């Protein structure tokens, strides 16, 4: 492989890595953050079922933990 070609490839890789690192930097949170999601599932029957099922699992695990 010619030195010029290798140099060109390394330069491209360096630019790609710099771009990846830049995009991985923490971003500013959106205005309102998590507060915008509060209440978004009110009245949603599927979400109600998910919450009920999760509560049932936690109750069962709690009973199991108490028994040892």
PDB file of N, CA and C in Angstrom:
ATOM      1  N   UNK A   1       0.855  -1.168   0.000  1.00  0.00           N
ATOM      2  CA  UNK A   1       0.000   0.000   0.000  1.00  0.00           C
ATOM      3  C   UNK A   1       0.901   1.230   0.000  1.00  0.00           C
ATOM      4  N   UNK A   2       0.614   2.156  -0.820  1.00  0.00           N
ATOM      5  CA  UNK A   2       1.418   3.369  -0.935  1.00  0.00           C
ATOM      6  C   UNK A   2       1.241   4.237   0.302  1.00  0.00           C
ATOM      7  N   UNK A   3       2.293   4.961   0.650  1.00  0.00           N
ATOM      8  CA  UNK A   3       2.260   5.829   1.823  1.00  0.00           C
ATOM      9  C   UNK A   3       1.174   6.890   1.702  1.00  0.00           C
ATOM     10  N   UNK A   4       1.005   7.439   0.514  1.00  0.00           N
ATOM     11  CA  UNK A   4      -0.017   8.468   0.301  1.00  0.00           C
ATOM     12  C   UNK A   4      -1.408   7.906   0.562  1.00  0.00           C
ATOM     13  N   UNK A   5      -1.634   6.683   0.118  1.00  0.00           N
ATOM     14  CA  UNK A   5      -2.934   6.056   0.328  1.00  0.00           C
ATOM     15  C   UNK A   5      -3.172   5.805   1.817  1.00  0.00           C
ATOM     16  N   UNK A   6      -2.152   5.307   2.492  1.00  0.00           N
ATOM     17  CA  UNK A   6      -2.262   5.050   3.923  1.00  0.00           C
ATOM     18  C   UNK A   6      -2.515   6.359   4.677  1.00  0.00           C
ATOM     19  N   UNK A   7      -1.793   7.387   4.306  1.00  0.00           N
ATOM     20  CA  UNK A   7      -1.966   8.686   4.944  1.00  0.00           C
ATOM     21  C   UNK A   7      -3.385   9.216   4.738  1.00  0.00           C
ATOM     22  N   UNK A   8      -3.908   9.051   3.541  1.00  0.00           N
ATOM     23  CA  UNK A   8      -5.271   9.490   3.235  1.00  0.00           C
ATOM     24  C   UNK A   8      -6.279   8.712   4.068  1.00  0.00           C
ATOM     25  N   UNK A   9      -6.084   7.414   4.175  1.00  0.00           N
ATOM     26  CA  UNK A   9      -7.001   6.579   4.957  1.00  0.00           C
ATOM     27  C   UNK A   9      -6.963   6.952   6.431  1.00  0.00           C
ATOM     28  N   UNK A  10      -5.767   7.189   6.958  1.00  0.00           N
ATOM     29  CA  UNK A  10      -5.643   7.567   8.368  1.00  0.00           C
ATOM     30  C   UNK A  10      -6.330   8.906   8.616  1.00  0.00           C
ATOM     31  N   UNK A  11      -6.155   9.843   7.710  1.00  0.00           N
ATOM     32  CA  UNK A  11      -6.806  11.151   7.839  1.00  0.00           C
ATOM     33  C   UNK A  11      -8.321  10.993   7.857  1.00  0.00           C
ATOM     34  N   UNK A  12      -8.854  10.167   6.963  1.00  0.00           N
ATOM     35  CA  UNK A  12     -10.304   9.931   6.931  1.00  0.00           C
ATOM     36  C   UNK A  12     -10.776   9.281   8.229  1.00  0.00           C
ATOM     37  N   UNK A  13      -9.993   8.316   8.719  1.00  0.00           N
ATOM     38  CA  UNK A  13     -10.360   7.656   9.976  1.00  0.00           C
ATOM     39  C   UNK A  13     -10.345   8.639  11.141  1.00  0.00           C
ATOM     40  N   UNK A  14      -9.342   9.500  11.179  1.00  0.00           N
ATOM     41  CA  UNK A  14      -9.274  10.492  12.248  1.00  0.00           C
ATOM     42  C   UNK A  14     -10.486  11.416  12.227  1.00  0.00           C
ATOM     43  N   UNK A  15     -10.893  11.824  11.044  1.00  0.00           N
ATOM     44  CA  UNK A  15     -12.076  12.684  10.922  1.00  0.00           C
ATOM     45  C   UNK A  15     -13.333  11.937  11.366  1.00  0.00           C
ATOM     46  N   UNK A  16     -13.434  10.666  10.977  1.00  0.00           N
ATOM     47  CA  UNK A  16     -14.603   9.870  11.359  1.00  0.00           C
ATOM     48  C   UNK A  16     -14.665   9.697  12.873  1.00  0.00           C
ATOM     49  N   UNK A  17     -13.528   9.390  13.487  1.00  0.00           N
ATOM     50  CA  UNK A  17     -13.490   9.209  14.941  1.00  0.00           C
ATOM     51  C   UNK A  17     -13.831  10.522  15.646  1.00  0.00           C
ATOM     52  N   UNK A  18     -13.299  11.631  15.154  1.00  0.00           N
ATOM     53  CA  UNK A  18     -13.610  12.936  15.749  1.00  0.00           C
ATOM     54  C   UNK A  18     -15.106  13.221  15.669  1.00  0.00           C
ATOM     55  N   UNK A  19     -15.718  12.859  14.552  1.00  0.00           N
ATOM     56  CA  UNK A  19     -17.155  13.063  14.380  1.00  0.00           C
ATOM     57  C   UNK A  19     -17.951  12.201  15.361  1.00  0.00           C
ATOM     58  N   UNK A  20     -17.524  10.965  15.532  1.00  0.00           N
ATOM     59  CA  UNK A  20     -18.200  10.051  16.465  1.00  0.00           C
ATOM     60  C   UNK A  20     -18.083  10.582  17.891  1.00  0.00           C
ATOM     61  N   UNK A  21     -16.893  11.009  18.265  1.00  0.00           N
ATOM     62  CA  UNK A  21     -16.681  11.536  19.616  1.00  0.00           C
ATOM     63  C   UNK A  21     -17.537  12.777  19.845  1.00  0.00           C
ATOM     64  N   UNK A  22     -17.583  13.648  18.857  1.00  0.00           N
ATOM     65  CA  UNK A  22     -18.380  14.874  18.987  1.00  0.00           C
ATOM     66  C   UNK A  22     -19.863  14.544  19.155  1.00  0.00           C
ATOM     67  N   UNK A  23     -20.359  13.579  18.381  1.00  0.00           N
ATOM     68  CA  UNK A  23     -21.783  13.235  18.463  1.00  0.00           C
ATOM     69  C   UNK A  23     -22.115  12.502  19.756  1.00  0.00           C
ATOM     70  N   UNK A  24     -21.106  11.903  20.400  1.00  0.00           N
ATOM     71  CA  UNK A  24     -21.338  11.170  21.640  1.00  0.00           C
ATOM     72  C   UNK A  24     -21.308  12.083  22.863  1.00  0.00           C
ATOM     73  N   UNK A  25     -20.956  13.336  22.691  1.00  0.00           N
ATOM     74  CA  UNK A  25     -20.905  14.274  23.808  1.00  0.00           C
ATOM     75  C   UNK A  25     -22.317  14.510  24.338  1.00  0.00           C
ATOM     76  N   UNK A  26     -22.435  14.686  25.643  1.00  0.00           N
ATOM     77  CA  UNK A  26     -23.763  14.928  26.215  1.00  0.00           C
ATOM     78  C   UNK A  26     -24.410  16.167  25.603  1.00  0.00           C
ATOM     79  N   UNK A  27     -25.673  16.042  25.332  1.00  0.00           N
ATOM     80  CA  UNK A  27     -26.436  17.149  24.768  1.00  0.00           C
ATOM     81  C   UNK A  27     -27.198  17.843  25.886  1.00  0.00           C
ATOM     82  N   UNK A  28     -27.602  19.060  25.645  1.00  0.00           N
ATOM     83  CA  UNK A  28     -28.432  19.775  26.609  1.00  0.00           C
ATOM     84  C   UNK A  28     -29.809  19.111  26.649  1.00  0.00           C
ATOM     85  N   UNK A  29     -30.352  18.918  27.829  1.00  0.00           N
ATOM     86  CA  UNK A  29     -31.680  18.309  27.907  1.00  0.00           C
ATOM     87  C   UNK A  29     -32.732  19.191  27.233  1.00  0.00           C
ATOM     88  N   UNK A  30     -33.737  18.549  26.724  1.00  0.00           N
ATOM     89  CA  UNK A  30     -34.832  19.280  26.079  1.00  0.00           C
ATOM     90  C   UNK A  30     -35.557  20.128  27.115  1.00  0.00           C
ATOM     91  N   UNK A  31     -36.125  21.209  26.666  1.00  0.00           N
ATOM     92  CA  UNK A  31     -36.877  22.080  27.564  1.00  0.00           C
ATOM     93  C   UNK A  31     -38.006  21.286  28.213  1.00  0.00           C
ATOM     94  N   UNK A  32     -38.084  21.342  29.511  1.00  0.00           N
ATOM     95  CA  UNK A  32     -39.123  20.597  30.223  1.00  0.00           C
ATOM     96  C   UNK A  32     -38.660  19.210  30.628  1.00  0.00           C
ATOM     97  N   UNK A  33     -37.671  18.666  29.925  1.00  0.00           N
ATOM     98  CA  UNK A  33     -37.117  17.360  30.259  1.00  0.00           C
ATOM     99  C   UNK A  33     -38.178  16.302  30.498  1.00  0.00           C
ATOM    100  N   UNK A  34     -37.976  15.540  31.558  1.00  0.00           N
ATOM    101  CA  UNK A  34     -38.879  14.434  31.861  1.00  0.00           C
ATOM    102  C   UNK A  34     -40.281  14.920  32.209  1.00  0.00           C
ATOM    103  N   UNK A  35     -40.415  16.157  32.611  1.00  0.00           N
ATOM    104  CA  UNK A  35     -41.730  16.679  33.002  1.00  0.00           C
ATOM    105  C   UNK A  35     -42.718  16.672  31.834  1.00  0.00           C
ATOM    106  N   UNK A  36     -42.196  16.726  30.612  1.00  0.00           N
ATOM    107  CA  UNK A  36     -43.080  16.703  29.449  1.00  0.00           C
ATOM    108  C   UNK A  36     -43.783  15.353  29.307  1.00  0.00           C
ATOM    109  N   UNK A  37     -43.196  14.302  29.880  1.00  0.00           N
ATOM    110  CA  UNK A  37     -43.792  12.980  29.730  1.00  0.00           C
ATOM    111  C   UNK A  37     -44.795  12.641  30.837  1.00  0.00           C
ATOM    112  N   UNK A  38     -44.817  13.437  31.897  1.00  0.00           N
ATOM    113  CA  UNK A  38     -45.745  13.175  33.000  1.00  0.00           C
ATOM    114  C   UNK A  38     -47.176  13.265  32.487  1.00  0.00           C
ATOM    115  N   UNK A  39     -47.934  12.209  32.729  1.00  0.00           N
ATOM    116  CA  UNK A  39     -49.338  12.193  32.344  1.00  0.00           C
ATOM    117  C   UNK A  39     -49.606  11.781  30.909  1.00  0.00           C
ATOM    118  N   UNK A  40     -48.569  11.469  30.150  1.00  0.00           N
ATOM    119  CA  UNK A  40     -48.797  11.164  28.738  1.00  0.00           C
ATOM    120  C   UNK A  40     -49.544   9.845  28.528  1.00  0.00           C
ATOM    121  N   UNK A  41     -49.596   8.988  29.565  1.00  0.00           N
ATOM    122  CA  UNK A  41     -50.307   7.723  29.425  1.00  0.00           C
ATOM    123  C   UNK A  41     -51.609   7.693  30.218  1.00  0.00           C
ATOM    124  N   UNK A  42     -52.033   8.841  30.723  1.00  0.00           N
ATOM    125  CA  UNK A  42     -53.301   8.892  31.454  1.00  0.00           C
ATOM    126  C   UNK A  42     -54.423   8.374  30.565  1.00  0.00           C
ATOM    127  N   UNK A  43     -55.199   7.437  31.105  1.00  0.00           N
ATOM    128  CA  UNK A  43     -56.330   6.897  30.360  1.00  0.00           C
ATOM    129  C   UNK A  43     -55.960   5.833  29.341  1.00  0.00           C
ATOM    130  N   UNK A  44     -54.683   5.476  29.245  1.00  0.00           N
ATOM    131  CA  UNK A  44     -54.238   4.468  28.276  1.00  0.00           C
ATOM    132  C   UNK A  44     -54.427   3.079  28.891  1.00  0.00           C
ATOM    133  N   UNK A  45     -55.317   2.286  28.328  1.00  0.00           N
ATOM    134  CA  UNK A  45     -55.650   0.970  28.883  1.00  0.00           C
ATOM    135  C   UNK A  45     -54.455   0.021  28.872  1.00  0.00           C
ATOM    136  N   UNK A  46     -53.666   0.050  27.821  1.00  0.00           N
ATOM    137  CA  UNK A  46     -52.500  -0.839  27.738  1.00  0.00           C
ATOM    138  C   UNK A  46     -51.495  -0.482  28.828  1.00  0.00           C
ATOM    139  N   UNK A  47     -51.257   0.796  29.028  1.00  0.00           N
ATOM    140  CA  UNK A  47     -50.318   1.217  30.067  1.00  0.00           C
ATOM    141  C   UNK A  47     -50.836   0.825  31.442  1.00  0.00           C
ATOM    142  N   UNK A  48     -52.136   0.905  31.640  1.00  0.00           N
ATOM    143  CA  UNK A  48     -52.733   0.492  32.913  1.00  0.00           C
ATOM    144  C   UNK A  48     -52.454  -0.991  33.160  1.00  0.00           C
ATOM    145  N   UNK A  49     -52.589  -1.815  32.122  1.00  0.00           N
ATOM    146  CA  UNK A  49     -52.307  -3.245  32.244  1.00  0.00           C
ATOM    147  C   UNK A  49     -50.832  -3.494  32.550  1.00  0.00           C
ATOM    148  N   UNK A  50     -49.949  -2.725  31.915  1.00  0.00           N
ATOM    149  CA  UNK A  50     -48.514  -2.867  32.159  1.00  0.00           C
ATOM    150  C   UNK A  50     -48.194  -2.543  33.618  1.00  0.00           C
ATOM    151  N   UNK A  51     -48.758  -1.466  34.126  1.00  0.00           N
ATOM    152  CA  UNK A  51     -48.519  -1.061  35.514  1.00  0.00           C
ATOM    153  C   UNK A  51     -49.057  -2.111  36.478  1.00  0.00           C
ATOM    154  N   UNK A  52     -50.258  -2.625  36.208  1.00  0.00           N
ATOM    155  CA  UNK A  52     -50.853  -3.651  37.075  1.00  0.00           C
ATOM    156  C   UNK A  52     -50.015  -4.924  37.069  1.00  0.00           C
ATOM    157  N   UNK A  53     -49.535  -5.317  35.902  1.00  0.00           N
ATOM    158  CA  UNK A  53     -48.715  -6.532  35.801  1.00  0.00           C
ATOM    159  C   UNK A  53     -47.391  -6.346  36.542  1.00  0.00           C
ATOM    160  N   UNK A  54     -46.792  -5.179  36.407  1.00  0.00           N
ATOM    161  CA  UNK A  54     -45.547  -4.892  37.126  1.00  0.00           C
ATOM    162  C   UNK A  54     -45.746  -4.941  38.629  1.00  0.00           C
ATOM    163  N   UNK A  55     -46.860  -4.387  39.094  1.00  0.00           N
ATOM    164  CA  UNK A  55     -47.164  -4.405  40.527  1.00  0.00           C
ATOM    165  C   UNK A  55     -47.358  -5.837  41.012  1.00  0.00           C
ATOM    166  N   UNK A  56     -48.023  -6.666  40.211  1.00  0.00           N
ATOM    167  CA  UNK A  56     -48.235  -8.070  40.583  1.00  0.00           C
ATOM    168  C   UNK A  56     -46.899  -8.803  40.684  1.00  0.00           C
ATOM    169  N   UNK A  57     -46.006  -8.537  39.757  1.00  0.00           N
ATOM    170  CA  UNK A  57     -44.683  -9.174  39.791  1.00  0.00           C
ATOM    171  C   UNK A  57     -43.927  -8.746  41.050  1.00  0.00           C
ATOM    172  N   UNK A  58     -43.959  -7.453  41.375  1.00  0.00           N
ATOM    173  CA  UNK A  58     -43.263  -6.969  42.573  1.00  0.00           C
ATOM    174  C   UNK A  58     -43.853  -7.577  43.845  1.00  0.00           C
ATOM    175  N   UNK A  59     -45.185  -7.706  43.900  1.00  0.00           N
ATOM    176  CA  UNK A  59     -45.813  -8.334  45.074  1.00  0.00           C
ATOM    177  C   UNK A  59     -45.361  -9.781  45.207  1.00  0.00           C
ATOM    178  N   UNK A  60     -45.352 -10.514  44.099  1.00  0.00           N
ATOM    179  CA  UNK A  60     -44.944 -11.920  44.127  1.00  0.00           C
ATOM    180  C   UNK A  60     -43.483 -12.052  44.549  1.00  0.00           C
ATOM    181  N   UNK A  61     -42.635 -11.186  44.043  1.00  0.00           N
ATOM    182  CA  UNK A  61     -41.223 -11.237  44.413  1.00  0.00           C
ATOM    183  C   UNK A  61     -41.036 -10.876  45.883  1.00  0.00           C
ATOM    184  N   UNK A  62     -41.856  -9.947  46.384  1.00  0.00           N
ATOM    185  CA  UNK A  62     -41.788  -9.574  47.792  1.00  0.00           C
ATOM    186  C   UNK A  62     -42.172 -10.733  48.696  1.00  0.00           C
ATOM    187  N   UNK A  63     -43.236 -11.433  48.328  1.00  0.00           N
ATOM    188  CA  UNK A  63     -43.661 -12.608  49.112  1.00  0.00           C
ATOM    189  C   UNK A  63     -42.584 -13.683  49.082  1.00  0.00           C
ATOM    190  N   UNK A  64     -41.999 -13.895  47.929  1.00  0.00           N
ATOM    191  CA  UNK A  64     -40.953 -14.910  47.776  1.00  0.00           C
ATOM    192  C   UNK A  64     -39.739 -14.551  48.627  1.00  0.00           C
ATOM    193  N   UNK A  65     -39.378 -13.281  48.662  1.00  0.00           N
ATOM    194  CA  UNK A  65     -38.222 -12.838  49.442  1.00  0.00           C
ATOM    195  C   UNK A  65     -38.464 -13.020  50.937  1.00  0.00           C
ATOM    196  N   UNK A  66     -39.697 -12.797  51.389  1.00  0.00           N
ATOM    197  CA  UNK A  66     -40.014 -12.947  52.810  1.00  0.00           C
ATOM    198  C   UNK A  66     -39.916 -14.399  53.250  1.00  0.00           C
ATOM    199  N   UNK A  67     -40.241 -15.329  52.327  1.00  0.00           N
ATOM    200  CA  UNK A  67     -40.165 -16.754  52.657  1.00  0.00           C
ATOM    201  C   UNK A  67     -38.725 -17.229  52.702  1.00  0.00           C
ATOM    202  N   UNK A  68     -37.858 -16.547  51.991  1.00  0.00           N
ATOM    203  CA  UNK A  68     -36.442 -16.921  51.997  1.00  0.00           C
ATOM    204  C   UNK A  68     -36.063 -17.696  50.857  1.00  0.00           C
TER     205      UNK A  68
END
